Amino acid sequence: MTVERRIAAPAGRVWAVLTDIEAAPRVISGIEKVEMLSDRPFGVGTRWRETRRMLGKEATEEMWVTASEPSKRCVIEAGSRGVHYVSEFLLTEEGGATSVRLTFGSELADGSGLKARLMHAMGSLGAKTAAKAIAKDLADIAASAEAGGPKAAD
């Protein structure tokens, strides 16, 4: 699935908000907490655990960066219960504003069991819900970037 949003901020500022993983719980309302697993600047190999509340349940996934072109593109992957997830953010700046296109997909990992196959099939049925959540994440990123950057810690 692909969701796109135009943000009234330059690509560098949008990139700064998008890649400030530690600030994500203050910026993106769907993220409850983040635990950094690497102590490096954002880039290929950066890893963290992200906790969200989805459909009334808390879910924690380990995530990692597999591609990074500052202010242009990044790919973030995750694996959970036999399913592999890939999110690609593509930023295009035009006239001081930035278009952000988020493409999200999933596939079964090799050797996935019946439970993983069933969860993946159910995930396909929930595509509308996932698209709504992704659009909300992009709206939160836009609000932060348009206001000048991540909100300060309380």
Protein backbone atom coordinates (compact mmCIF):
# COMPACT_ATOMS: atom_id res chain seq x y z
CA MET A 1 0.00 0.00 0.00
CA THR A 2 1.13 3.56 -0.63
CA VAL A 3 0.11 6.71 1.23
CA GLU A 4 1.33 10.17 0.22
CA ARG A 5 1.23 13.55 1.95
CA ARG A 6 2.47 17.03 1.07
CA ILE A 7 4.19 18.76 4.01
CA ALA A 8 4.74 22.53 4.14
CA ALA A 9 8.38 22.23 5.22
CA PRO A 10 11.71 21.68 3.46
CA ALA A 11 12.92 18.09 2.97
CA GLY A 12 15.77 18.55 5.46
CA ARG A 13 13.36 19.40 8.26
CA VAL A 14 10.99 16.57 7.35
CA TRP A 15 13.97 14.19 7.28
CA ALA A 16 15.10 15.39 10.73
CA VAL A 17 11.65 14.66 12.19
CA LEU A 18 11.32 11.33 10.39
CA THR A 19 14.73 10.05 11.48
CA ASP A 20 14.71 11.23 15.11
CA ILE A 21 13.73 7.79 16.36
CA GLU A 22 14.09 8.66 20.05
CA ALA A 23 11.61 11.55 19.65
CA ALA A 24 9.06 9.39 17.79
CA PRO A 25 6.77 8.80 20.83
CA ARG A 26 6.46 12.60 21.24
CA VAL A 27 5.82 13.15 17.52
CA ILE A 28 3.77 10.16 16.35
CA SER A 29 0.66 9.59 18.46
CA GLY A 30 0.52 5.88 17.55
CA ILE A 31 3.93 5.13 19.10
CA GLU A 32 3.96 4.56 22.85
CA LYS A 33 7.68 4.02 23.38
CA VAL A 34 11.01 3.40 21.65
CA GLU A 35 14.03 1.49 22.93
CA MET A 36 17.19 2.17 20.95
CA LEU A 37 19.27 -0.96 20.25
CA SER A 38 22.12 0.87 18.53
CA ASP A 39 23.94 4.04 19.53
CA ARG A 40 24.68 5.43 16.10
CA PRO A 41 23.25 8.26 14.06
CA PHE A 42 20.30 7.29 11.86
CA GLY A 43 21.51 5.25 8.92
CA VAL A 44 21.89 1.73 7.60
CA GLY A 45 22.14 -0.60 10.59
CA THR A 46 20.28 1.61 13.11
CA ARG A 47 18.04 -0.69 15.22
CA TRP A 48 15.29 -0.08 17.77
CA ARG A 49 12.22 -1.62 19.38
CA GLU A 50 8.99 0.29 18.82
CA THR A 51 5.85 -0.21 20.90
CA ARG A 52 2.43 0.74 19.53
CA ARG A 53 -1.13 0.11 20.63
CA MET A 54 -3.05 -1.48 17.77
CA LEU A 55 -6.63 -2.66 17.95
CA GLY A 56 -6.54 -2.27 21.73
CA LYS A 57 -3.39 -4.38 22.20
CA GLU A 58 0.20 -3.37 22.76
CA ALA A 59 2.66 -4.66 20.14
CA THR A 60 6.44 -4.28 20.19
CA GLU A 61 8.47 -4.86 17.04
CA GLU A 62 12.20 -4.71 16.38
CA MET A 63 12.98 -2.43 13.44
CA TRP A 64 16.10 -1.63 11.46
CA VAL A 65 17.24 0.69 8.66
CA THR A 66 18.34 -1.04 5.44
CA ALA A 67 18.69 2.00 3.15
CA SER A 68 19.29 5.67 3.85
CA GLU A 69 19.78 8.61 1.49
CA PRO A 70 19.54 11.70 3.74
CA SER A 71 16.63 14.02 2.93
CA LYS A 72 15.58 11.73 0.05
CA ARG A 73 14.80 8.12 0.98
CA CYS A 74 14.97 5.49 3.69
CA VAL A 75 13.86 1.91 4.06
CA ILE A 76 12.90 0.48 7.44
CA GLU A 77 12.28 -3.23 7.93
CA ALA A 78 10.82 -5.35 10.71
CA GLY A 79 10.06 -8.99 11.32
CA SER A 80 7.38 -10.38 13.58
CA ARG A 81 5.80 -13.81 14.03
CA GLY A 82 6.91 -15.09 10.62
CA VAL A 83 6.03 -11.94 8.66
CA HIS A 84 8.61 -9.54 7.17
CA TYR A 85 7.60 -5.86 6.85
CA VAL A 86 9.18 -3.20 4.64
CA SER A 87 8.43 0.55 4.79
CA GLU A 88 9.98 2.91 2.24
CA PHE A 89 9.83 6.68 2.72
CA LEU A 90 10.49 8.76 -0.39
CA LEU A 91 10.86 12.54 0.03
CA THR A 92 10.60 14.95 -2.91
CA GLU A 93 11.02 18.67 -2.29
CA GLU A 94 9.26 21.18 -4.52
CA GLY A 95 9.12 24.90 -3.82
CA GLY A 96 9.85 24.69 -0.09
CA ALA A 97 7.30 21.92 0.52
CA THR A 98 7.99 18.20 0.63
CA SER A 99 5.96 15.31 -0.73
CA VAL A 100 6.39 12.20 1.41
CA ARG A 101 5.38 8.87 -0.10
CA LEU A 102 5.28 5.92 2.29
CA THR A 103 5.05 2.50 0.71
CA PHE A 104 4.38 -0.36 3.12
CA GLY A 105 4.36 -4.06 2.35
CA SER A 106 4.62 -7.42 4.02
CA GLU A 107 5.49 -10.95 3.02
CA LEU A 108 5.74 -14.27 4.76
CA ALA A 109 9.23 -15.19 5.90
CA ASP A 110 10.68 -18.52 4.78
CA GLY A 111 9.38 -21.42 6.86
CA SER A 112 6.42 -19.47 8.28
CA GLY A 113 3.96 -21.61 10.18
CA LEU A 114 0.19 -21.77 9.92
CA LYS A 115 -0.31 -19.05 12.54
CA ALA A 116 1.92 -16.62 10.60
CA ARG A 117 0.11 -17.42 7.34
CA LEU A 118 -3.27 -16.80 9.00
CA MET A 119 -2.07 -13.52 10.57
CA HIS A 120 -0.69 -12.37 7.21
CA ALA A 121 -4.01 -13.14 5.49
CA MET A 122 -5.91 -11.25 8.21
CA GLY A 123 -3.47 -8.36 7.79
CA SER A 124 -4.44 -8.14 4.14
CA LEU A 125 -8.06 -7.79 5.20
CA GLY A 126 -7.08 -4.93 7.52
CA ALA A 127 -5.44 -2.89 4.75
CA LYS A 128 -7.95 -0.03 5.20
CA THR A 129 -7.13 0.17 8.91
CA ALA A 130 -3.38 0.07 8.17
CA ALA A 131 -3.70 2.82 5.53
CA LYS A 132 -5.57 4.99 8.05
CA ALA A 133 -2.83 4.44 10.68
CA ILE A 134 -0.09 5.25 8.15
CA ALA A 135 -1.91 8.42 7.09
CA LYS A 136 -2.17 9.45 10.77
CA ASP A 137 1.59 8.85 11.24
CA LEU A 138 2.31 11.08 8.22
CA ALA A 139 -0.07 13.74 9.57
CA ASP A 140 1.81 13.70 12.89
CA ILE A 141 5.17 13.97 11.09
CA ALA A 142 3.78 16.86 9.03
CA ALA A 143 2.54 18.71 12.12
CA SER A 144 5.94 18.41 13.77
CA ALA A 145 7.93 19.41 10.67
CA GLU A 146 5.62 22.34 9.93
CA ALA A 147 6.01 23.53 13.54
CA GLY A 148 9.81 23.43 13.28
CA GLY A 149 10.74 19.95 14.51
CA PRO A 150 10.12 17.34 17.22
CA LYS A 151 8.36 18.49 20.37
CA ALA A 152 10.59 18.93 23.40
CA ALA A 153 10.58 16.20 26.04
CA ASP A 154 8.25 16.86 28.96
